[in-house]
Amino acid sequence: MQKPIDLHVIPRIDDEIACRQTAQLLHDAGYGAVALTVPTGVMKERLQSLRTIFLESNVEVFFRIDLNCSNRQELLKLLRRFRNSYDVVSVNCSNHALALVAARDRRVDVIFFDPSKRNVWFDHSIANVAHAALEFNLNTILTERGPIQKSMKEINIAKEHKVKIVLSSGSTSPLMIRTPPQLTAIGRILGLNEDQARNAMKTPWLIVKQNVERRSNKYVEEGVSIVQRIS
């Protein structure tokens, strides 16, 4: 059985001790892989060193970018620039217009909303066009005031429109790592049934697998790839 992946961990890339602690805690929690949000412009050697730290704890690494922008033009520019450089592309939806664009753009894997911003949320208009998965970060939900009710409403809208849901830790420190059962438990609290919570833990692997295939030399377009001829 494939071990779960935490799709949203934000490491302190300049703190090797913290990175090693995070890697070990992910392994101990039962994860087989992690998507690490890293800043743009980090040298390839540094990324490889970071990957090695996690591999030493038997945790596979995928790199993720969280795009923070305010309008459509900026988002499209960033997607053209970074889509093929990361395994996972997500957008922090800071306003409704941006969320609409991000949700329907097939280059975006995940969208998420800052629960501290009361004037923007996942609604039916966004859900109706959503191709990207909707992510809920456990640590953000638990640390911000009043977001659980908001998240419950968003979960119900996502379920109604059959939008893919992702449960992540959103960890920014080793002590914020949460186990897969903890993630599924909060998913149940937010309104997912057992099967839906389980699927929310499987969706990250589907996202990563699709993107790894898309970035390979054999990929042509969705559903089409080059097959090596056997003579």
Protein backbone atom coordinates (compact mmCIF):
# COMPACT_ATOMS: atom_id res chain seq x y z
CA MET A 1 0.00 0.00 0.00
CA GLN A 2 1.38 3.41 -0.98
CA LYS A 3 2.22 5.64 1.97
CA PRO A 4 0.53 9.07 2.10
CA ILE A 5 2.09 12.32 0.94
CA ASP A 6 1.81 15.64 2.75
CA LEU A 7 1.34 18.05 -0.15
CA HIS A 8 2.14 21.23 1.75
CA VAL A 9 5.17 21.57 4.01
CA ILE A 10 7.12 24.84 4.10
CA PRO A 11 10.65 24.05 5.32
CA ARG A 12 13.23 26.43 6.72
CA ILE A 13 15.63 25.69 3.90
CA ASP A 14 18.57 27.43 5.61
CA ASP A 15 18.09 25.47 8.85
CA GLU A 16 19.50 21.99 8.25
CA ILE A 17 18.65 20.77 11.75
CA ALA A 18 15.00 21.78 11.37
CA CYS A 19 14.86 20.14 7.93
CA ARG A 20 16.26 16.89 9.31
CA GLN A 21 13.77 16.99 12.18
CA THR A 22 10.92 17.60 9.74
CA ALA A 23 12.05 14.74 7.54
CA GLN A 24 12.29 12.31 10.45
CA LEU A 25 8.93 13.35 11.87
CA LEU A 26 7.28 12.88 8.47
CA HIS A 27 8.75 9.39 8.28
CA ASP A 28 7.68 8.58 11.84
CA ALA A 29 4.17 9.88 11.09
CA GLY A 30 3.86 7.39 8.24
CA TYR A 31 4.44 9.55 5.18
CA GLY A 32 6.28 8.25 2.15
CA ALA A 33 6.66 11.60 0.41
CA VAL A 34 6.27 15.33 0.84
CA ALA A 35 5.79 18.39 -1.35
CA LEU A 36 8.09 21.13 -0.10
CA THR A 37 7.23 24.75 -0.85
CA VAL A 38 10.47 26.47 -1.77
CA PRO A 39 11.21 30.06 -2.85
CA THR A 40 11.97 30.84 -6.47
CA GLY A 41 15.60 31.39 -7.32
CA VAL A 42 16.99 28.70 -5.02
CA MET A 43 20.08 27.12 -6.54
CA LYS A 44 19.75 23.58 -7.89
CA GLU A 45 22.54 22.43 -5.61
CA ARG A 46 20.60 23.64 -2.58
CA LEU A 47 17.46 21.85 -3.75
CA GLN A 48 19.41 18.65 -4.26
CA SER A 49 20.87 18.96 -0.78
CA LEU A 50 17.38 19.46 0.62
CA ARG A 51 16.12 16.42 -1.28
CA THR A 52 18.99 14.32 0.10
CA ILE A 53 18.14 15.26 3.68
CA PHE A 54 14.60 13.92 3.27
CA LEU A 55 15.63 10.87 1.28
CA GLU A 56 17.92 9.90 4.16
CA SER A 57 14.72 9.54 6.22
CA ASN A 58 13.08 7.58 3.37
CA VAL A 59 10.79 10.46 2.43
CA GLU A 60 10.52 11.19 -1.29
CA VAL A 61 10.58 14.89 -2.19
CA PHE A 62 8.58 16.91 -4.69
CA PHE A 63 9.00 20.66 -5.00
CA ARG A 64 6.06 23.03 -4.89
CA ILE A 65 5.50 26.73 -5.51
CA ASP A 66 2.79 28.80 -3.83
CA LEU A 67 1.93 31.68 -6.13
CA ASN A 68 0.88 34.88 -4.38
CA CYS A 69 -0.47 37.53 -6.72
CA SER A 70 -3.35 39.95 -6.98
CA ASN A 71 -4.64 39.83 -10.55
CA ARG A 72 -5.08 37.69 -13.66
CA GLN A 73 -2.22 39.18 -15.65
CA GLU A 74 0.29 38.58 -12.88
CA LEU A 75 -0.92 35.01 -12.36
CA LEU A 76 -0.69 34.11 -16.04
CA LYS A 77 2.82 35.58 -16.22
CA LEU A 78 3.94 33.51 -13.22
CA LEU A 79 2.36 30.34 -14.60
CA ARG A 80 4.19 30.73 -17.92
CA ARG A 81 7.43 31.22 -16.05
CA PHE A 82 7.22 28.54 -13.37
CA ARG A 83 4.78 25.81 -14.44
CA ASN A 84 7.45 23.47 -15.78
CA SER A 85 9.93 24.13 -12.97
CA TYR A 86 7.89 22.64 -10.11
CA ASP A 87 6.16 19.37 -9.37
CA VAL A 88 3.19 21.12 -7.77
CA VAL A 89 1.82 24.58 -8.56
CA SER A 90 -0.61 26.17 -6.13
CA VAL A 91 -2.26 29.56 -5.83
CA ASN A 92 -3.05 31.42 -2.64
CA CYS A 93 -6.36 33.02 -3.64
CA SER A 94 -6.30 36.56 -2.28
CA ASN A 95 -9.44 37.75 -4.07
CA HIS A 96 -12.47 36.33 -5.86
CA ALA A 97 -11.46 37.33 -9.40
CA LEU A 98 -8.06 35.70 -8.99
CA ALA A 99 -9.64 32.56 -7.55
CA LEU A 100 -11.88 32.21 -10.60
CA VAL A 101 -8.90 32.35 -12.97
CA ALA A 102 -6.72 30.04 -10.87
CA ALA A 103 -9.46 27.46 -10.33
CA ARG A 104 -10.12 26.91 -14.03
CA ASP A 105 -6.54 27.13 -15.34
CA ARG A 106 -5.29 23.58 -15.94
CA ARG A 107 -1.74 24.62 -15.10
CA VAL A 108 -2.81 25.14 -11.49
CA ASP A 109 -2.90 21.99 -9.36
CA VAL A 110 -4.16 23.37 -6.07
CA ILE A 111 -5.92 26.47 -4.81
CA PHE A 112 -6.24 27.48 -1.17
CA PHE A 113 -7.71 30.37 0.77
CA ASP A 114 -6.32 32.24 3.76
CA PRO A 115 -9.02 31.82 6.45
CA SER A 116 -7.96 35.07 8.10
CA LYS A 117 -9.26 36.96 5.03
CA ARG A 118 -12.99 37.16 5.63
CA ASN A 119 -13.79 38.87 2.32
CA VAL A 120 -12.73 35.98 0.06
CA TRP A 121 -13.82 32.35 0.15
CA PHE A 122 -14.54 29.32 -2.03
CA ASP A 123 -18.05 29.76 -3.41
CA HIS A 124 -20.35 28.16 -5.99
CA SER A 125 -19.11 30.35 -8.86
CA ILE A 126 -15.54 29.19 -8.28
CA ALA A 127 -16.56 25.57 -7.71
CA ASN A 128 -18.53 25.57 -10.95
CA VAL A 129 -15.39 26.17 -13.04
CA ALA A 130 -12.80 24.47 -10.82
CA HIS A 131 -10.28 22.14 -12.38
CA ALA A 132 -7.75 22.61 -9.56
CA ALA A 133 -8.12 20.81 -6.25
CA LEU A 134 -9.21 22.75 -3.18
CA GLU A 135 -6.71 22.45 -0.34
CA PHE A 136 -7.36 22.70 3.40
CA ASN A 137 -4.30 23.23 5.58
CA LEU A 138 -4.85 21.77 9.03
CA ASN A 139 -2.49 24.07 10.90
CA THR A 140 -4.00 27.21 9.39
CA ILE A 141 -7.50 26.07 10.25
CA LEU A 142 -6.55 25.33 13.85
CA THR A 143 -4.52 28.47 14.50
CA GLU A 144 -6.76 31.13 12.96
CA ARG A 145 -9.85 32.36 14.80
CA GLY A 146 -13.18 31.21 13.43
CA PRO A 147 -12.13 29.42 10.22
CA ILE A 148 -13.71 26.03 10.97
CA GLN A 149 -17.24 27.18 10.15
CA LYS A 150 -15.97 28.84 6.99
CA SER A 151 -14.09 25.69 5.98
CA MET A 152 -17.17 23.55 6.62
CA LYS A 153 -19.18 25.69 4.19
CA GLU A 154 -16.41 25.42 1.59
CA ILE A 155 -16.27 21.64 2.02
CA ASN A 156 -20.01 21.36 1.39
CA ILE A 157 -19.73 23.48 -1.76
CA ALA A 158 -16.79 21.40 -3.01
CA LYS A 159 -18.72 18.18 -2.40
CA GLU A 160 -21.79 19.51 -4.20
CA HIS A 161 -19.73 20.34 -7.31
CA LYS A 162 -17.49 17.25 -7.01
CA VAL A 163 -14.34 19.38 -6.71
CA LYS A 164 -11.22 17.46 -5.68
CA ILE A 165 -10.23 18.08 -2.06
CA VAL A 166 -6.74 17.93 -0.55
CA LEU A 167 -5.95 17.72 3.17
CA SER A 168 -2.47 19.00 4.05
CA SER A 169 -0.64 20.04 7.18
CA GLY A 170 0.61 23.42 5.96
CA SER A 171 3.50 22.89 8.34
CA THR A 172 6.13 25.61 8.75
CA SER A 173 8.08 23.90 11.55
CA PRO A 174 8.82 20.32 12.65
CA LEU A 175 6.37 20.55 15.56
CA MET A 176 3.52 21.34 13.16
CA ILE A 177 3.77 18.01 11.33
CA ARG A 178 0.46 16.14 11.59
CA THR A 179 -0.13 12.44 11.01
CA PRO A 180 -2.41 11.16 8.25
CA PRO A 181 -5.06 10.08 10.82
CA GLN A 182 -5.01 13.61 12.24
CA LEU A 183 -5.58 15.07 8.78
CA THR A 184 -8.45 12.70 8.02
CA ALA A 185 -9.96 13.37 11.45
CA ILE A 186 -10.12 17.11 10.80
CA GLY A 187 -11.56 16.30 7.38
CA ARG A 188 -14.36 14.38 9.08
CA ILE A 189 -14.98 17.30 11.41
CA LEU A 190 -15.25 19.62 8.40
CA GLY A 191 -17.92 17.42 6.83
CA LEU A 192 -16.21 14.69 4.81
CA ASN A 193 -17.38 11.12 5.24
CA GLU A 194 -14.85 8.33 5.66
CA ASP A 195 -14.46 7.63 1.94
CA GLN A 196 -14.21 11.32 1.07
CA ALA A 197 -11.56 11.90 3.73
CA ARG A 198 -9.60 8.92 2.43
CA ASN A 199 -9.83 10.25 -1.14
CA ALA A 200 -8.59 13.65 0.04
CA MET A 201 -5.42 11.86 1.17
CA LYS A 202 -5.09 10.03 -2.17
CA THR A 203 -5.57 13.07 -4.40
CA PRO A 204 -2.04 14.47 -3.72
CA TRP A 205 -0.47 11.36 -5.24
CA LEU A 206 -2.67 11.70 -8.33
CA ILE A 207 -1.56 15.33 -8.72
CA VAL A 208 2.13 14.49 -8.35
CA LYS A 209 1.95 11.45 -10.64
CA GLN A 210 0.23 13.44 -13.39
CA ASN A 211 2.79 16.24 -13.17
CA VAL A 212 5.79 13.92 -13.18
CA GLU A 213 4.42 12.34 -16.34
CA ARG A 214 3.75 15.75 -17.88
CA ARG A 215 7.31 16.89 -17.26
CA SER A 216 8.83 13.76 -18.81
CA ASN A 217 10.26 13.71 -22.34
CA LYS A 218 7.61 11.18 -23.39
CA TYR A 219 4.67 13.50 -22.66
CA VAL A 220 2.87 15.05 -25.65
CA GLU A 221 -0.47 16.21 -24.24
CA GLU A 222 -3.08 15.02 -21.78
CA GLY A 223 -3.77 11.36 -22.56
CA VAL A 224 -1.03 11.17 -25.20
CA SER A 225 2.57 10.06 -24.66
CA ILE A 226 5.42 8.69 -26.75
CA VAL A 227 5.87 4.93 -26.53
CA GLN A 228 9.27 3.52 -27.35
CA ARG A 229 9.13 1.12 -30.26
CA ILE A 230 10.46 -2.37 -29.54
CA SER A 231 12.28 -3.81 -32.54
